[in-house]
Amino acid sequence: MEATIAGQIIDLNNEGYLTDLKQWNKEVAAQIAQEEGIELTDGHWPVIEYLQEQYRNEVPLSIRKVGKSGVVDIKQFYALFPGGPLKKASRIAGIPKPASCI
């Protein structure tokens, strides 16, 4: 399906995740974050960049792995992306929902 996000036509899957990371940019991220009830700060971007890098390298993601990344600890991860941190952070980062997420 398609949606207009930040003035662009974006391809999404049935759960609202981008299907093509090439369509992602910071404006798209900001609008998705707003939909998730999150105002992006300087603390969010390193996490988003880490998730995208792991996705590009085909590394499976989990909350535990993010917490051990050195980018953010688990408590900070939950504070930055409350109510489902890995699902929300992945959606904002423009990557598919990780297999570890229900």
C-alpha atoms as a PDB file:
ATOM      1  CA  MET A   1       0.000   0.000   0.000  1.00  0.00           C
ATOM      2  CA  GLU A   2       1.034   3.609  -0.384  1.00  0.00           C
ATOM      3  CA  ALA A   3       0.815   6.592   1.923  1.00  0.00           C
ATOM      4  CA  THR A   4       1.832  10.216   1.676  1.00  0.00           C
ATOM      5  CA  ILE A   5       4.402  10.911   4.362  1.00  0.00           C
ATOM      6  CA  ALA A   6       6.286  14.208   4.557  1.00  0.00           C
ATOM      7  CA  GLY A   7       4.914  15.095   1.108  1.00  0.00           C
ATOM      8  CA  GLN A   8       6.224  11.909  -0.519  1.00  0.00           C
ATOM      9  CA  ILE A   9       4.448   8.797  -1.748  1.00  0.00           C
ATOM     10  CA  ILE A  10       5.886   5.996   0.405  1.00  0.00           C
ATOM     11  CA  ASP A  11       5.402   2.240  -0.033  1.00  0.00           C
ATOM     12  CA  LEU A  12       4.286   0.573   3.200  1.00  0.00           C
ATOM     13  CA  ASN A  13       3.448  -2.977   4.187  1.00  0.00           C
ATOM     14  CA  ASN A  14       0.133  -3.839   5.842  1.00  0.00           C
ATOM     15  CA  GLU A  15       1.584  -2.984   9.287  1.00  0.00           C
ATOM     16  CA  GLY A  16       2.742   0.496   8.271  1.00  0.00           C
ATOM     17  CA  TYR A  17       6.466  -0.238   7.889  1.00  0.00           C
ATOM     18  CA  LEU A  18       8.394   1.079   4.891  1.00  0.00           C
ATOM     19  CA  THR A  19       9.116  -1.562   2.270  1.00  0.00           C
ATOM     20  CA  ASP A  20      12.012   0.380   0.700  1.00  0.00           C
ATOM     21  CA  LEU A  21      14.624   2.029   2.913  1.00  0.00           C
ATOM     22  CA  LYS A  22      15.639   4.224  -0.047  1.00  0.00           C
ATOM     23  CA  GLN A  23      12.382   6.155   0.451  1.00  0.00           C
ATOM     24  CA  TRP A  24      13.364   7.041   4.033  1.00  0.00           C
ATOM     25  CA  ASN A  25      14.714  10.414   5.086  1.00  0.00           C
ATOM     26  CA  LYS A  26      14.688  12.448   8.299  1.00  0.00           C
ATOM     27  CA  GLU A  27      11.445  14.209   7.362  1.00  0.00           C
ATOM     28  CA  VAL A  28       9.714  10.868   6.838  1.00  0.00           C
ATOM     29  CA  ALA A  29      11.129   9.691  10.176  1.00  0.00           C
ATOM     30  CA  ALA A  30       9.862  12.803  11.943  1.00  0.00           C
ATOM     31  CA  GLN A  31       6.319  12.350  10.623  1.00  0.00           C
ATOM     32  CA  ILE A  32       6.227   8.640  11.503  1.00  0.00           C
ATOM     33  CA  ALA A  33       7.568   9.489  14.968  1.00  0.00           C
ATOM     34  CA  GLN A  34       4.823  12.062  15.380  1.00  0.00           C
ATOM     35  CA  GLU A  35       2.238   9.405  14.466  1.00  0.00           C
ATOM     36  CA  GLU A  36       3.804   7.217  17.174  1.00  0.00           C
ATOM     37  CA  GLY A  37       3.582  10.056  19.704  1.00  0.00           C
ATOM     38  CA  ILE A  38       7.344  10.629  19.769  1.00  0.00           C
ATOM     39  CA  GLU A  39       9.163  13.920  19.267  1.00  0.00           C
ATOM     40  CA  LEU A  40      12.588  13.089  17.880  1.00  0.00           C
ATOM     41  CA  THR A  41      15.582  14.516  19.756  1.00  0.00           C
ATOM     42  CA  ASP A  42      19.343  14.230  19.353  1.00  0.00           C
ATOM     43  CA  GLY A  43      19.160  11.082  21.491  1.00  0.00           C
ATOM     44  CA  HIS A  44      16.974   9.261  18.961  1.00  0.00           C
ATOM     45  CA  TRP A  45      19.200   9.576  15.874  1.00  0.00           C
ATOM     46  CA  PRO A  46      22.103   7.353  17.001  1.00  0.00           C
ATOM     47  CA  VAL A  47      19.605   4.578  17.751  1.00  0.00           C
ATOM     48  CA  ILE A  48      17.916   5.022  14.366  1.00  0.00           C
ATOM     49  CA  GLU A  49      21.295   4.970  12.587  1.00  0.00           C
ATOM     50  CA  TYR A  50      22.327   1.848  14.517  1.00  0.00           C
ATOM     51  CA  LEU A  51      19.110   0.038  13.556  1.00  0.00           C
ATOM     52  CA  GLN A  52      19.537   0.946   9.894  1.00  0.00           C
ATOM     53  CA  GLU A  53      23.163  -0.205   9.913  1.00  0.00           C
ATOM     54  CA  GLN A  54      22.240  -3.532  11.494  1.00  0.00           C
ATOM     55  CA  TYR A  55      19.432  -3.985   8.953  1.00  0.00           C
ATOM     56  CA  ARG A  56      21.776  -3.249   6.029  1.00  0.00           C
ATOM     57  CA  ASN A  57      24.227  -5.815   7.430  1.00  0.00           C
ATOM     58  CA  GLU A  58      21.373  -8.339   7.816  1.00  0.00           C
ATOM     59  CA  VAL A  59      21.914  -8.610  11.575  1.00  0.00           C
ATOM     60  CA  PRO A  60      18.754  -9.773  13.416  1.00  0.00           C
ATOM     61  CA  LEU A  61      17.578  -7.178  15.924  1.00  0.00           C
ATOM     62  CA  SER A  62      16.313  -7.605  19.450  1.00  0.00           C
ATOM     63  CA  ILE A  63      15.798  -5.271  22.388  1.00  0.00           C
ATOM     64  CA  ARG A  64      18.611  -7.045  24.197  1.00  0.00           C
ATOM     65  CA  LYS A  65      21.007  -6.549  21.266  1.00  0.00           C
ATOM     66  CA  VAL A  66      20.157  -2.839  21.108  1.00  0.00           C
ATOM     67  CA  GLY A  67      20.741  -2.596  24.863  1.00  0.00           C
ATOM     68  CA  LYS A  68      24.187  -4.170  24.484  1.00  0.00           C
ATOM     69  CA  SER A  69      25.102  -2.067  21.449  1.00  0.00           C
ATOM     70  CA  GLY A  70      26.824   0.707  23.368  1.00  0.00           C
ATOM     71  CA  VAL A  71      24.531   3.178  21.606  1.00  0.00           C
ATOM     72  CA  VAL A  72      21.832   3.125  24.272  1.00  0.00           C
ATOM     73  CA  ASP A  73      21.040   0.938  27.268  1.00  0.00           C
ATOM     74  CA  ILE A  74      17.706  -0.848  27.590  1.00  0.00           C
ATOM     75  CA  LYS A  75      16.287   1.669  30.068  1.00  0.00           C
ATOM     76  CA  GLN A  76      17.143   4.581  27.749  1.00  0.00           C
ATOM     77  CA  PHE A  77      15.764   2.665  24.766  1.00  0.00           C
ATOM     78  CA  TYR A  78      12.398   2.298  26.514  1.00  0.00           C
ATOM     79  CA  ALA A  79      12.490   5.978  27.523  1.00  0.00           C
ATOM     80  CA  LEU A  80      13.191   7.128  23.950  1.00  0.00           C
ATOM     81  CA  PHE A  81      10.627   4.809  22.326  1.00  0.00           C
ATOM     82  CA  PRO A  82       7.988   4.044  24.981  1.00  0.00           C
ATOM     83  CA  GLY A  83       5.354   1.377  24.467  1.00  0.00           C
ATOM     84  CA  GLY A  84       7.198  -1.029  22.190  1.00  0.00           C
ATOM     85  CA  PRO A  85      10.664   0.400  21.634  1.00  0.00           C
ATOM     86  CA  LEU A  86      11.956  -1.935  18.942  1.00  0.00           C
ATOM     87  CA  LYS A  87       8.734  -1.876  16.920  1.00  0.00           C
ATOM     88  CA  LYS A  88       8.437   1.904  17.079  1.00  0.00           C
ATOM     89  CA  ALA A  89      12.139   2.573  16.516  1.00  0.00           C
ATOM     90  CA  SER A  90      12.208   0.214  13.528  1.00  0.00           C
ATOM     91  CA  ARG A  91       9.173   1.851  11.964  1.00  0.00           C
ATOM     92  CA  ILE A  92      10.697   5.319  12.450  1.00  0.00           C
ATOM     93  CA  ALA A  93      14.037   4.065  11.068  1.00  0.00           C
ATOM     94  CA  GLY A  94      12.273   2.862   7.916  1.00  0.00           C
ATOM     95  CA  ILE A  95      13.184  -0.800   8.349  1.00  0.00           C
ATOM     96  CA  PRO A  96      10.896  -3.852   8.544  1.00  0.00           C
ATOM     97  CA  LYS A  97       9.509  -4.962  11.886  1.00  0.00           C
ATOM     98  CA  PRO A  98      12.133  -7.278  13.412  1.00  0.00           C
ATOM     99  CA  ALA A  99      11.227 -10.962  13.650  1.00  0.00           C
ATOM    100  CA  SER A 100      11.683 -10.747  17.432  1.00  0.00           C
ATOM    101  CA  CYS A 101       8.695  -8.378  17.666  1.00  0.00           C
ATOM    102  CA  ILE A 102       5.215  -9.820  18.018  1.00  0.00           C
END
